[in-house]
């Protein structure tokens, strides 16, 4: 029986990999709770002159991370990921920030890490941020407080909530 849960999603991010779609989907579903591989579609002989996929090899993998559907494609080496697209992981506390940072950055590019952004081992960019940073600190109507927080964020690779709170709560000085 087909899984019809994709009908609930109007927008599904579609990720183009060289040939690591299944490996990436398994990597991501092992990190996020409430995640699963939905289905795997394999190339067949039809259209092989166009797609070039070896019959029976993985073409796409549909997967979910915390209820968000994704599709990963083994499309070949034509396109590469870059930082112009990233996925934000909102974290409740430092424990979550540390967990997702550690797991997603494992084997990734250590030079592509700043301001809570990282690039995983597949080249996909992620932003690991505490919810309070986006929902409270940077949106504070006190522009001095928000400015101090932004200045602190710009000095970080992995976000440290305690440092953000110190900057946010710093009395009276202008940044």
Protein backbone atom coordinates (compact mmCIF):
# COMPACT_ATOMS: atom_id res chain seq x y z
CA UNK A 1 0.00 0.00 0.00
CA UNK A 2 1.38 3.43 -0.91
CA UNK A 3 2.21 5.97 1.78
CA UNK A 4 -0.07 8.96 1.16
CA UNK A 5 1.37 11.23 3.86
CA UNK A 6 3.20 13.27 1.19
CA UNK A 7 -0.18 14.69 0.22
CA UNK A 8 -0.16 16.59 3.50
CA UNK A 9 2.94 18.54 2.46
CA UNK A 10 2.57 21.32 -0.11
CA UNK A 11 6.32 21.95 -0.23
CA UNK A 12 8.90 19.18 -0.04
CA UNK A 13 12.60 20.07 -0.13
CA UNK A 14 14.31 18.10 -2.89
CA UNK A 15 18.03 17.44 -2.37
CA UNK A 16 20.31 16.52 -5.28
CA UNK A 17 23.17 14.20 -4.37
CA UNK A 18 25.78 12.62 -6.61
CA UNK A 19 25.09 9.05 -5.42
CA UNK A 20 24.69 9.36 -1.63
CA UNK A 21 20.91 9.89 -1.36
CA UNK A 22 20.21 6.76 0.66
CA UNK A 23 23.30 7.20 2.85
CA UNK A 24 22.31 10.81 3.58
CA UNK A 25 18.69 9.90 4.36
CA UNK A 26 19.85 7.21 6.79
CA UNK A 27 22.34 9.64 8.37
CA UNK A 28 19.68 12.31 8.93
CA UNK A 29 16.97 9.93 10.16
CA UNK A 30 19.42 8.50 12.70
CA UNK A 31 19.98 12.00 14.14
CA UNK A 32 16.45 13.39 14.37
CA UNK A 33 13.75 11.83 16.54
CA UNK A 34 10.39 11.14 14.92
CA UNK A 35 12.06 10.46 11.61
CA UNK A 36 11.85 7.70 9.05
CA UNK A 37 12.62 6.53 5.55
CA UNK A 38 9.28 6.63 3.71
CA UNK A 39 10.25 4.91 0.48
CA UNK A 40 13.05 4.19 -1.94
CA UNK A 41 12.55 4.39 -5.71
CA UNK A 42 15.02 2.64 -7.96
CA UNK A 43 16.11 3.41 -11.48
CA UNK A 44 14.91 1.02 -14.14
CA UNK A 45 15.78 0.63 -17.79
CA UNK A 46 13.14 3.09 -18.98
CA UNK A 47 14.75 6.42 -19.81
CA UNK A 48 18.26 5.19 -19.06
CA UNK A 49 19.60 7.11 -22.08
CA UNK A 50 18.41 10.30 -20.32
CA UNK A 51 19.01 9.69 -16.62
CA UNK A 52 22.01 7.35 -16.89
CA UNK A 53 21.09 5.62 -13.65
CA UNK A 54 22.09 1.99 -13.38
CA UNK A 55 18.95 -0.21 -13.29
CA UNK A 56 18.06 -1.23 -9.70
CA UNK A 57 20.27 1.49 -8.17
CA UNK A 58 18.64 4.07 -5.88
CA UNK A 59 17.06 7.00 -7.71
CA UNK A 60 15.19 8.77 -4.89
CA UNK A 61 14.64 8.35 -1.18
CA UNK A 62 11.67 9.99 0.50
CA UNK A 63 12.24 10.58 4.20
CA UNK A 64 10.85 12.59 7.09
CA UNK A 65 12.63 14.53 9.81
CA UNK A 66 10.34 15.57 12.65
CA UNK A 67 7.37 15.35 10.29
CA UNK A 68 8.98 17.41 7.49
CA UNK A 69 9.13 15.45 4.25
CA UNK A 70 12.28 15.53 2.10
CA UNK A 71 13.25 13.79 -1.12
CA UNK A 72 16.86 12.91 -1.89
CA UNK A 73 17.89 12.19 -5.50
CA UNK A 74 20.94 10.42 -6.83
CA UNK A 75 21.30 12.76 -9.80
CA UNK A 76 25.03 12.60 -10.45
CA UNK A 77 27.82 15.12 -9.94
CA UNK A 78 26.30 17.97 -11.98
CA UNK A 79 25.08 20.11 -9.05
CA UNK A 80 26.61 20.77 -5.63
CA UNK A 81 25.13 22.14 -2.43
CA UNK A 82 26.10 25.63 -1.30
CA UNK A 83 25.35 27.92 1.61
CA UNK A 84 22.61 29.84 -0.22
CA UNK A 85 20.19 27.18 1.04
CA UNK A 86 20.27 25.84 4.58
CA UNK A 87 18.02 24.13 7.08
CA UNK A 88 17.42 25.73 10.48
CA UNK A 89 17.20 23.44 13.51
CA UNK A 90 15.57 25.33 16.37
CA UNK A 91 16.80 24.10 19.73
CA UNK A 92 15.17 24.47 23.13
CA UNK A 93 18.42 24.53 25.12
CA UNK A 94 22.20 24.13 25.01
CA UNK A 95 21.93 20.35 25.28
CA UNK A 96 20.01 20.27 21.98
CA UNK A 97 22.39 22.75 20.35
CA UNK A 98 25.35 20.59 21.38
CA UNK A 99 23.65 17.38 20.21
CA UNK A 100 22.68 18.59 16.74
CA UNK A 101 25.96 20.46 16.24
CA UNK A 102 27.98 17.38 17.13
CA UNK A 103 25.95 14.95 15.04
CA UNK A 104 25.46 17.07 11.91
CA UNK A 105 29.00 18.47 11.79
CA UNK A 106 30.61 15.01 12.12
CA UNK A 107 32.73 14.56 9.00
CA UNK A 108 31.65 17.95 7.66
CA UNK A 109 33.65 21.01 6.67
CA UNK A 110 35.13 22.63 9.83
CA UNK A 111 35.93 25.80 7.85
CA UNK A 112 32.28 26.33 6.96
CA UNK A 113 31.22 26.80 10.57
CA UNK A 114 30.25 30.15 12.01
CA UNK A 115 27.29 31.91 13.61
CA UNK A 116 25.57 28.58 14.25
CA UNK A 117 25.99 27.45 10.62
CA UNK A 118 27.71 24.22 9.66
CA UNK A 119 28.17 22.13 6.57
CA UNK A 120 27.63 18.39 6.99
CA UNK A 121 29.62 15.61 5.34
CA UNK A 122 27.35 15.74 2.27
CA UNK A 123 27.81 19.49 1.81
CA UNK A 124 24.34 20.43 3.12
CA UNK A 125 24.27 23.60 5.25
CA UNK A 126 22.47 23.67 8.59
CA UNK A 127 21.87 26.41 11.13
CA UNK A 128 21.77 25.12 14.70
CA UNK A 129 20.18 27.87 16.77
CA UNK A 130 18.46 28.23 20.11
CA UNK A 131 14.83 29.30 19.70
CA UNK A 132 15.40 32.16 22.15
CA UNK A 133 17.94 33.72 19.80
CA UNK A 134 15.43 34.08 16.96
CA UNK A 135 12.20 34.50 18.91
CA UNK A 136 13.41 36.76 21.70
CA UNK A 137 16.94 38.14 21.68
CA UNK A 138 17.42 39.33 18.09
CA UNK A 139 13.83 40.57 17.84
CA UNK A 140 13.94 42.56 21.10
CA UNK A 141 12.70 46.11 20.60
CA UNK A 142 15.68 47.25 22.69
CA UNK A 143 18.11 47.62 19.82
CA UNK A 144 21.11 47.84 22.17
CA UNK A 145 20.32 44.43 23.64
CA UNK A 146 19.68 42.91 20.20
CA UNK A 147 22.91 44.50 18.93
CA UNK A 148 24.99 43.04 21.75
CA UNK A 149 23.57 39.61 21.00
CA UNK A 150 24.33 39.94 17.28
CA UNK A 151 27.87 41.01 18.07
CA UNK A 152 28.28 37.93 20.30
CA UNK A 153 26.82 35.58 17.65
CA UNK A 154 29.31 36.86 15.09
CA UNK A 155 32.20 35.64 17.27
CA UNK A 156 30.86 32.09 17.59
CA UNK A 157 30.95 28.94 15.53
CA UNK A 158 28.63 26.77 17.65
CA UNK A 159 26.13 28.97 19.51
CA UNK A 160 26.67 29.14 23.25
CA UNK A 161 23.45 30.22 24.97
CA UNK A 162 25.15 31.32 28.21
CA UNK A 163 27.31 33.78 26.26
CA UNK A 164 24.27 35.10 24.42
CA UNK A 165 22.44 35.60 27.71
CA UNK A 166 25.42 37.49 29.16
CA UNK A 167 25.43 39.82 26.16
CA UNK A 168 21.66 40.18 26.27
CA UNK A 169 21.54 40.96 30.00
CA UNK A 170 24.62 43.23 30.08
CA UNK A 171 23.46 46.41 31.81
CA UNK A 172 23.71 49.85 30.28
CA UNK A 173 26.66 49.69 27.86
CA UNK A 174 26.32 50.41 24.15
CA UNK A 175 27.77 47.95 21.67
